[in-house]
Amino acid sequence: QVQLVESGGGLVQAGGSLRLVCAASGRAFSTYAMGWFRQAPGKEREFVAAINWSGGRTTYADSVKGRFTISRDNAKNTVPLQMNSLKPEDTAVYYCAATARRPGVPSTDHITYDYWGQGTQVTVSS
């Protein structure tokens, strides 16, 4: 089992940057694929980015490709999400998630993730 805590959210102007960090506790962090999802008010949770257990494979939603970068540090049990060129439509609660089902695959489907953090709010003003 793994516990996840997100940090780094806040208020930023359009065009700015934020760095979210997901900190994991528990055993065998390196056996989990990790993902970031987001949910805006009145909308369904949507995929943002994911990374496999080694960090060798990543995948991104088209809406964030080229602006966001996911990485991981298995020695520190962290998964940062660097967000650049932020837009008002990026405003949402951002969630970190973990899955051990297929650690070699950075899944885009929230159903495959078993563990979730509490979320961190990101607000981008125009």
Foldseek 3Di string as FASTA:
>chain_A
DKAKAKDWADEEAAQAKIKMKIAIDDPDLLLKKKFKWWDDPPGDIFGAKIAASVRPDIDGDPVQPPFWDWGDDVVRRMIMIIGGRDDQVVWTWMKMFIANPCRRDGDRDPVRTDYIYPTDTHGYHD
